[in-house]
Each structure stands twice: as C-alpha cells, then as structure tokens.
Amino acid sequence: MRVAVYGGSFNPPHVGHAMVVAWLLWTRRVDAVWIVPVYRHAFEGQHDKSLAPFDRRLAWCRAMAAELVLPGDDRIAVLDIEAHLPVPSFTIDTLRHLQGAHPGVELVLVVGADVVPQLPRWHDWAALRQEFPPLIVGRPGFPVPDQAVVFPDLSSSDIRARLRSGQPVGHLLPAGVADLVGPGEAQAWWGPG
C-alpha cells in the first residue's frame, strides 16, 4: 500500500489542502492519505508561523477529512502522532516513526511547490529525500514539476489575515472547518488585524 503523508501547520486547513488530498486519491497517486498537523512548527515565530493550539488544528483537520470521505471510507486519516514524539519532531523523525509502526507501507512525503526552496534547510534533508522521495504539488507562482497540477492560490496566512480583519472566509474553508473557526479565535491565536 502506498500512503501519502501530508504534513503541515493546517493553520487553518483550507479548500486548497482538501483539493490536494482529493487529487492524490482521485488520480491514484496513492492508496491513502495521512494528514499530519505539526505539533510545534520548526519555523514557529517566523514567517507568520504562530500556531493555533494543536487540539484546534487537529479538530480542523478532522473536520476537513470528514468533508472528503463517506462514512466507512478509511483512505483518509488524521494523525496526532507529532503530539507524542519528542520535540522538536522533524519531518524525517515523524516519517521514520510511521514507517516503523507500518513496515509494509510505502510512505510518500507530500509538499507544496512553495516549500521546495526551503527543503535543503530541512533537518537531514538528504536522508529524507532518499528514504521518502517527495511528491510535489503545484502552487501558483512556483515552478510546477511534471505530473503535477496547480491548485488555487490559497494560503492559511491569507485566511488568518482575512479572519483578523473580519472578512468572510467561508468560501475558502471546508464547511466543517468554517463551522469551527471564528473571528474571536483568530485574534486569540494570531493577533489583532
């Protein structure tokens, strides 16, 4: 079985994230997708990376996953694994832990094209690339690899800014996530507008 490990801040998860998950399954790039919100982001405090509490981001990811599958469909799972690993848990540590727990599964790392320039700075990038070759998904404004598709120009950073300024976000979030995210939460976790 081939499983995509789709990690990220999911701060909050938006329809672009949901479309990536659906595309991975619809095109049969993988048999399943494991969504793994980071517990503590390696770049926290930089580049607008202040995170909402882990339990909220985990609930948002579960709400997004619920929008994508029918009851009984186990091809999408949301894992809280990073909350149980030593901090900091680098991507390679998480993937190696998952591989050890699921030795018969081929794990594929999913990253957005916007992250590609940062990859050489990731902890133990050479080993990560060799052990878990990444599947890169396109983002507007970034080079798109062969066999990839460009997803809408959405970012959690933009959604947080919209929430802080009181602008609507319901059209940018899966309905279940929109039901859980509110302006008060935005100011509590991401600061005033």
C-alpha atoms as a PDB file:
ATOM      1  CA  MET A   1       0.000   0.000   0.000  1.00  0.00           C
ATOM      2  CA  ARG A   2       1.278   3.492  -0.898  1.00  0.00           C
ATOM      3  CA  VAL A   3       0.384   6.233   1.588  1.00  0.00           C
ATOM      4  CA  ALA A   4       0.878   9.972   1.208  1.00  0.00           C
ATOM      5  CA  VAL A   5       1.943  11.698   4.396  1.00  0.00           C
ATOM      6  CA  TYR A   6       0.602  15.221   4.088  1.00  0.00           C
ATOM      7  CA  GLY A   7       2.053  17.260   6.907  1.00  0.00           C
ATOM      8  CA  GLY A   8       1.723  20.937   7.604  1.00  0.00           C
ATOM      9  CA  SER A   9       0.600  23.597  10.001  1.00  0.00           C
ATOM     10  CA  PHE A  10      -3.015  23.440   8.782  1.00  0.00           C
ATOM     11  CA  ASN A  11      -3.407  26.779  10.492  1.00  0.00           C
ATOM     12  CA  PRO A  12      -6.264  26.546   9.386  1.00  0.00           C
ATOM     13  CA  PRO A  13      -6.736  23.908   6.673  1.00  0.00           C
ATOM     14  CA  HIS A  14      -8.434  25.363   3.585  1.00  0.00           C
ATOM     15  CA  VAL A  15     -10.048  24.114   0.390  1.00  0.00           C
ATOM     16  CA  GLY A  16      -6.640  24.036  -1.321  1.00  0.00           C
ATOM     17  CA  HIS A  17      -5.489  21.466   1.251  1.00  0.00           C
ATOM     18  CA  ALA A  18      -8.697  19.489   0.718  1.00  0.00           C
ATOM     19  CA  MET A  19      -8.201  19.572  -3.049  1.00  0.00           C
ATOM     20  CA  VAL A  20      -4.663  18.188  -2.681  1.00  0.00           C
ATOM     21  CA  VAL A  21      -5.968  15.272  -0.595  1.00  0.00           C
ATOM     22  CA  ALA A  22      -8.752  14.567  -3.095  1.00  0.00           C
ATOM     23  CA  TRP A  23      -6.386  14.853  -6.093  1.00  0.00           C
ATOM     24  CA  LEU A  24      -3.936  12.383  -4.546  1.00  0.00           C
ATOM     25  CA  LEU A  25      -6.742   9.837  -4.219  1.00  0.00           C
ATOM     26  CA  TRP A  26      -8.688  10.628  -7.406  1.00  0.00           C
ATOM     27  CA  THR A  27      -5.568  10.263  -9.563  1.00  0.00           C
ATOM     28  CA  ARG A  28      -4.472   7.167  -7.636  1.00  0.00           C
ATOM     29  CA  ARG A  29      -1.084   8.636  -6.877  1.00  0.00           C
ATOM     30  CA  VAL A  30      -1.545   6.882  -3.525  1.00  0.00           C
ATOM     31  CA  ASP A  31      -3.928   4.451  -1.871  1.00  0.00           C
ATOM     32  CA  ALA A  32      -4.440   6.551   1.244  1.00  0.00           C
ATOM     33  CA  VAL A  33      -3.568   9.948   2.716  1.00  0.00           C
ATOM     34  CA  TRP A  34      -2.465  10.534   6.277  1.00  0.00           C
ATOM     35  CA  ILE A  35      -2.894  14.172   7.298  1.00  0.00           C
ATOM     36  CA  VAL A  36      -0.330  15.071   9.959  1.00  0.00           C
ATOM     37  CA  PRO A  37      -0.607  18.507  11.573  1.00  0.00           C
ATOM     38  CA  VAL A  38       2.664  19.654  13.115  1.00  0.00           C
ATOM     39  CA  TYR A  39       2.752  19.850  16.880  1.00  0.00           C
ATOM     40  CA  ARG A  40       5.424  22.557  17.021  1.00  0.00           C
ATOM     41  CA  HIS A  41       6.480  24.089  13.730  1.00  0.00           C
ATOM     42  CA  ALA A  42      10.229  24.234  13.085  1.00  0.00           C
ATOM     43  CA  PHE A  43       9.714  27.784  11.806  1.00  0.00           C
ATOM     44  CA  GLU A  44       7.317  28.876  14.566  1.00  0.00           C
ATOM     45  CA  GLY A  45       7.571  32.591  15.225  1.00  0.00           C
ATOM     46  CA  GLN A  46       8.934  33.191  11.719  1.00  0.00           C
ATOM     47  CA  HIS A  47       7.062  33.960   8.522  1.00  0.00           C
ATOM     48  CA  ASP A  48       3.661  34.309  10.244  1.00  0.00           C
ATOM     49  CA  LYS A  49       4.001  30.818  11.713  1.00  0.00           C
ATOM     50  CA  SER A  50       2.301  31.430  15.080  1.00  0.00           C
ATOM     51  CA  LEU A  51       0.141  28.386  15.509  1.00  0.00           C
ATOM     52  CA  ALA A  52      -3.347  27.935  16.891  1.00  0.00           C
ATOM     53  CA  PRO A  53      -3.391  25.299  19.656  1.00  0.00           C
ATOM     54  CA  PHE A  54      -2.658  21.792  18.397  1.00  0.00           C
ATOM     55  CA  ASP A  55      -6.005  20.378  19.533  1.00  0.00           C
ATOM     56  CA  ARG A  56      -7.872  23.016  17.474  1.00  0.00           C
ATOM     57  CA  ARG A  57      -5.772  22.393  14.351  1.00  0.00           C
ATOM     58  CA  LEU A  58      -6.275  18.654  14.821  1.00  0.00           C
ATOM     59  CA  ALA A  59     -10.066  19.187  15.088  1.00  0.00           C
ATOM     60  CA  TRP A  60      -9.999  21.364  11.959  1.00  0.00           C
ATOM     61  CA  CYS A  61      -8.115  18.658  10.053  1.00  0.00           C
ATOM     62  CA  ARG A  62     -10.635  16.048  11.182  1.00  0.00           C
ATOM     63  CA  ALA A  63     -13.481  18.328  10.053  1.00  0.00           C
ATOM     64  CA  MET A  64     -11.791  18.746   6.656  1.00  0.00           C
ATOM     65  CA  ALA A  65     -11.281  14.985   6.317  1.00  0.00           C
ATOM     66  CA  ALA A  66     -14.939  14.379   7.184  1.00  0.00           C
ATOM     67  CA  GLU A  67     -15.912  16.600   4.247  1.00  0.00           C
ATOM     68  CA  LEU A  68     -13.875  14.413   1.884  1.00  0.00           C
ATOM     69  CA  VAL A  69     -14.982  10.862   2.666  1.00  0.00           C
ATOM     70  CA  LEU A  70     -18.135   8.874   3.110  1.00  0.00           C
ATOM     71  CA  PRO A  71     -18.681   7.002   6.375  1.00  0.00           C
ATOM     72  CA  GLY A  72     -16.604   3.840   6.420  1.00  0.00           C
ATOM     73  CA  ASP A  73     -14.032   5.128   3.909  1.00  0.00           C
ATOM     74  CA  ASP A  74     -10.670   4.727   5.621  1.00  0.00           C
ATOM     75  CA  ARG A  75      -8.463   6.173   2.856  1.00  0.00           C
ATOM     76  CA  ILE A  76      -8.026   9.452   4.747  1.00  0.00           C
ATOM     77  CA  ALA A  77      -6.793   9.570   8.319  1.00  0.00           C
ATOM     78  CA  VAL A  78      -5.773  12.451  10.553  1.00  0.00           C
ATOM     79  CA  LEU A  79      -2.875  11.507  12.810  1.00  0.00           C
ATOM     80  CA  ASP A  80      -1.892  13.195  16.066  1.00  0.00           C
ATOM     81  CA  ILE A  81       1.496  11.451  16.033  1.00  0.00           C
ATOM     82  CA  GLU A  82       3.565  14.605  16.398  1.00  0.00           C
ATOM     83  CA  ALA A  83       1.991  15.302  19.795  1.00  0.00           C
ATOM     84  CA  HIS A  84       3.507  12.031  21.012  1.00  0.00           C
ATOM     85  CA  LEU A  85       7.025  12.421  19.628  1.00  0.00           C
ATOM     86  CA  PRO A  86       9.919  14.266  21.266  1.00  0.00           C
ATOM     87  CA  VAL A  87      10.007  17.990  20.492  1.00  0.00           C
ATOM     88  CA  PRO A  88      11.182  19.115  18.086  1.00  0.00           C
ATOM     89  CA  SER A  89       9.879  16.380  15.821  1.00  0.00           C
ATOM     90  CA  PHE A  90      11.430  16.910  12.439  1.00  0.00           C
ATOM     91  CA  THR A  91       9.712  15.541   9.342  1.00  0.00           C
ATOM     92  CA  ILE A  92      12.231  12.731   8.979  1.00  0.00           C
ATOM     93  CA  ASP A  93      11.645  11.677  12.612  1.00  0.00           C
ATOM     94  CA  THR A  94       7.887  11.565  12.062  1.00  0.00           C
ATOM     95  CA  LEU A  95       8.216   9.588   8.836  1.00  0.00           C
ATOM     96  CA  ARG A  96      10.689   7.118  10.329  1.00  0.00           C
ATOM     97  CA  HIS A  97       8.374   6.600  13.300  1.00  0.00           C
ATOM     98  CA  LEU A  98       5.416   5.983  10.981  1.00  0.00           C
ATOM     99  CA  GLN A  99       7.497   3.621   8.827  1.00  0.00           C
ATOM    100  CA  GLY A 100       8.495   1.653  11.916  1.00  0.00           C
ATOM    101  CA  ALA A 101       4.870   1.390  13.013  1.00  0.00           C
ATOM    102  CA  HIS A 102       3.717   0.408   9.498  1.00  0.00           C
ATOM    103  CA  PRO A 103       6.595  -1.579   7.938  1.00  0.00           C
ATOM    104  CA  GLY A 104       4.586  -2.879   4.966  1.00  0.00           C
ATOM    105  CA  VAL A 105       3.530   0.583   3.822  1.00  0.00           C
ATOM    106  CA  GLU A 106       5.375   2.740   1.272  1.00  0.00           C
ATOM    107  CA  LEU A 107       5.310   6.286   2.617  1.00  0.00           C
ATOM    108  CA  VAL A 108       5.432   9.275   0.289  1.00  0.00           C
ATOM    109  CA  LEU A 109       6.019  12.787   1.587  1.00  0.00           C
ATOM    110  CA  VAL A 110       3.701  15.429   0.080  1.00  0.00           C
ATOM    111  CA  VAL A 111       4.982  19.006  -0.144  1.00  0.00           C
ATOM    112  CA  GLY A 112       3.809  22.101  -1.960  1.00  0.00           C
ATOM    113  CA  ALA A 113       5.972  23.669  -4.662  1.00  0.00           C
ATOM    114  CA  ASP A 114       6.192  26.765  -2.441  1.00  0.00           C
ATOM    115  CA  VAL A 115       8.205  24.731   0.091  1.00  0.00           C
ATOM    116  CA  VAL A 116      10.734  23.324  -2.410  1.00  0.00           C
ATOM    117  CA  PRO A 117      13.226  26.220  -1.993  1.00  0.00           C
ATOM    118  CA  GLN A 118      13.250  25.568   1.793  1.00  0.00           C
ATOM    119  CA  LEU A 119      13.809  21.801   1.564  1.00  0.00           C
ATOM    120  CA  PRO A 120      17.634  21.889   1.636  1.00  0.00           C
ATOM    121  CA  ARG A 121      17.357  23.640   5.045  1.00  0.00           C
ATOM    122  CA  TRP A 122      15.152  20.877   6.476  1.00  0.00           C
ATOM    123  CA  HIS A 123      16.704  18.657   9.114  1.00  0.00           C
ATOM    124  CA  ASP A 124      18.550  15.756   7.425  1.00  0.00           C
ATOM    125  CA  TRP A 125      17.129  16.650   4.000  1.00  0.00           C
ATOM    126  CA  ALA A 126      19.450  14.285   2.081  1.00  0.00           C
ATOM    127  CA  ALA A 127      18.219  11.250   4.031  1.00  0.00           C
ATOM    128  CA  LEU A 128      14.624  12.462   3.911  1.00  0.00           C
ATOM    129  CA  ARG A 129      14.740  12.812   0.121  1.00  0.00           C
ATOM    130  CA  GLN A 130      16.325   9.369  -0.273  1.00  0.00           C
ATOM    131  CA  GLU A 131      14.098   7.458   2.171  1.00  0.00           C
ATOM    132  CA  PHE A 132      10.794   9.219   1.399  1.00  0.00           C
ATOM    133  CA  PRO A 133      11.013  10.797  -2.082  1.00  0.00           C
ATOM    134  CA  PRO A 134       8.660  13.766  -2.049  1.00  0.00           C
ATOM    135  CA  LEU A 135       5.612  14.144  -4.222  1.00  0.00           C
ATOM    136  CA  ILE A 136       5.424  17.846  -5.042  1.00  0.00           C
ATOM    137  CA  VAL A 137       2.104  19.546  -5.685  1.00  0.00           C
ATOM    138  CA  GLY A 138       1.919  22.803  -7.612  1.00  0.00           C
ATOM    139  CA  ARG A 139       1.266  26.256  -6.213  1.00  0.00           C
ATOM    140  CA  PRO A 140       0.719  29.397  -8.289  1.00  0.00           C
ATOM    141  CA  GLY A 141       3.898  31.398  -8.772  1.00  0.00           C
ATOM    142  CA  PHE A 142       6.240  28.455  -8.273  1.00  0.00           C
ATOM    143  CA  PRO A 143       7.762  26.046 -10.811  1.00  0.00           C
ATOM    144  CA  VAL A 144       5.444  23.081 -11.339  1.00  0.00           C
ATOM    145  CA  PRO A 145       7.013  19.631 -11.625  1.00  0.00           C
ATOM    146  CA  ASP A 146       5.940  17.170 -14.298  1.00  0.00           C
ATOM    147  CA  GLN A 147       2.796  15.196 -13.481  1.00  0.00           C
ATOM    148  CA  ALA A 148       1.620  17.847 -11.015  1.00  0.00           C
ATOM    149  CA  VAL A 149      -1.353  20.146 -11.014  1.00  0.00           C
ATOM    150  CA  VAL A 150      -1.529  23.717  -9.749  1.00  0.00           C
ATOM    151  CA  PHE A 151      -4.057  24.254  -7.007  1.00  0.00           C
ATOM    152  CA  PRO A 152      -5.885  27.517  -6.225  1.00  0.00           C
ATOM    153  CA  ASP A 153      -3.820  30.391  -4.910  1.00  0.00           C
ATOM    154  CA  LEU A 154      -4.880  29.981  -1.270  1.00  0.00           C
ATOM    155  CA  SER A 155      -2.835  30.165   1.872  1.00  0.00           C
ATOM    156  CA  SER A 156      -3.596  29.811   5.548  1.00  0.00           C
ATOM    157  CA  SER A 157      -1.691  33.075   6.071  1.00  0.00           C
ATOM    158  CA  ASP A 158      -4.163  34.922   3.845  1.00  0.00           C
ATOM    159  CA  ILE A 159      -7.102  33.277   5.592  1.00  0.00           C
ATOM    160  CA  ARG A 160      -5.742  34.311   9.003  1.00  0.00           C
ATOM    161  CA  ALA A 161      -5.397  37.886   7.744  1.00  0.00           C
ATOM    162  CA  ARG A 162      -8.976  37.830   6.455  1.00  0.00           C
ATOM    163  CA  LEU A 163     -10.219  36.493   9.804  1.00  0.00           C
ATOM    164  CA  ARG A 164      -8.310  39.183  11.731  1.00  0.00           C
ATOM    165  CA  SER A 165      -9.829  41.918   9.578  1.00  0.00           C
ATOM    166  CA  GLY A 166     -13.357  40.495   9.762  1.00  0.00           C
ATOM    167  CA  GLN A 167     -13.582  39.475   6.096  1.00  0.00           C
ATOM    168  CA  PRO A 168     -15.542  36.343   5.141  1.00  0.00           C
ATOM    169  CA  VAL A 169     -13.669  33.055   4.778  1.00  0.00           C
ATOM    170  CA  GLY A 170     -16.493  30.534   4.351  1.00  0.00           C
ATOM    171  CA  HIS A 171     -15.783  30.221   0.637  1.00  0.00           C
ATOM    172  CA  LEU A 172     -12.141  29.346   1.358  1.00  0.00           C
ATOM    173  CA  LEU A 173     -12.592  26.703   4.060  1.00  0.00           C
ATOM    174  CA  PRO A 174     -14.259  23.291   4.024  1.00  0.00           C
ATOM    175  CA  ALA A 175     -17.675  23.767   5.624  1.00  0.00           C
ATOM    176  CA  GLY A 176     -16.778  21.723   8.691  1.00  0.00           C
ATOM    177  CA  VAL A 177     -13.673  23.834   9.303  1.00  0.00           C
ATOM    178  CA  ALA A 178     -15.584  27.086   8.741  1.00  0.00           C
ATOM    179  CA  ASP A 179     -18.045  25.959  11.402  1.00  0.00           C
ATOM    180  CA  LEU A 180     -15.174  25.682  13.910  1.00  0.00           C
ATOM    181  CA  VAL A 181     -13.135  28.801  13.068  1.00  0.00           C
ATOM    182  CA  GLY A 182     -14.342  32.196  14.167  1.00  0.00           C
ATOM    183  CA  PRO A 183     -13.037  35.772  14.350  1.00  0.00           C
ATOM    184  CA  GLY A 184     -12.554  35.544  18.104  1.00  0.00           C
ATOM    185  CA  GLU A 185     -10.296  32.548  17.686  1.00  0.00           C
ATOM    186  CA  ALA A 186      -8.304  34.344  15.012  1.00  0.00           C
ATOM    187  CA  GLN A 187      -7.486  37.240  17.350  1.00  0.00           C
ATOM    188  CA  ALA A 188      -6.740  34.927  20.271  1.00  0.00           C
ATOM    189  CA  TRP A 189      -4.186  32.843  18.337  1.00  0.00           C
ATOM    190  CA  TRP A 190      -2.924  35.034  15.531  1.00  0.00           C
ATOM    191  CA  GLY A 191      -3.194  38.563  16.962  1.00  0.00           C
ATOM    192  CA  PRO A 192      -5.283  41.602  16.080  1.00  0.00           C
ATOM    193  CA  GLY A 193      -5.817  42.742  12.497  1.00  0.00           C
END
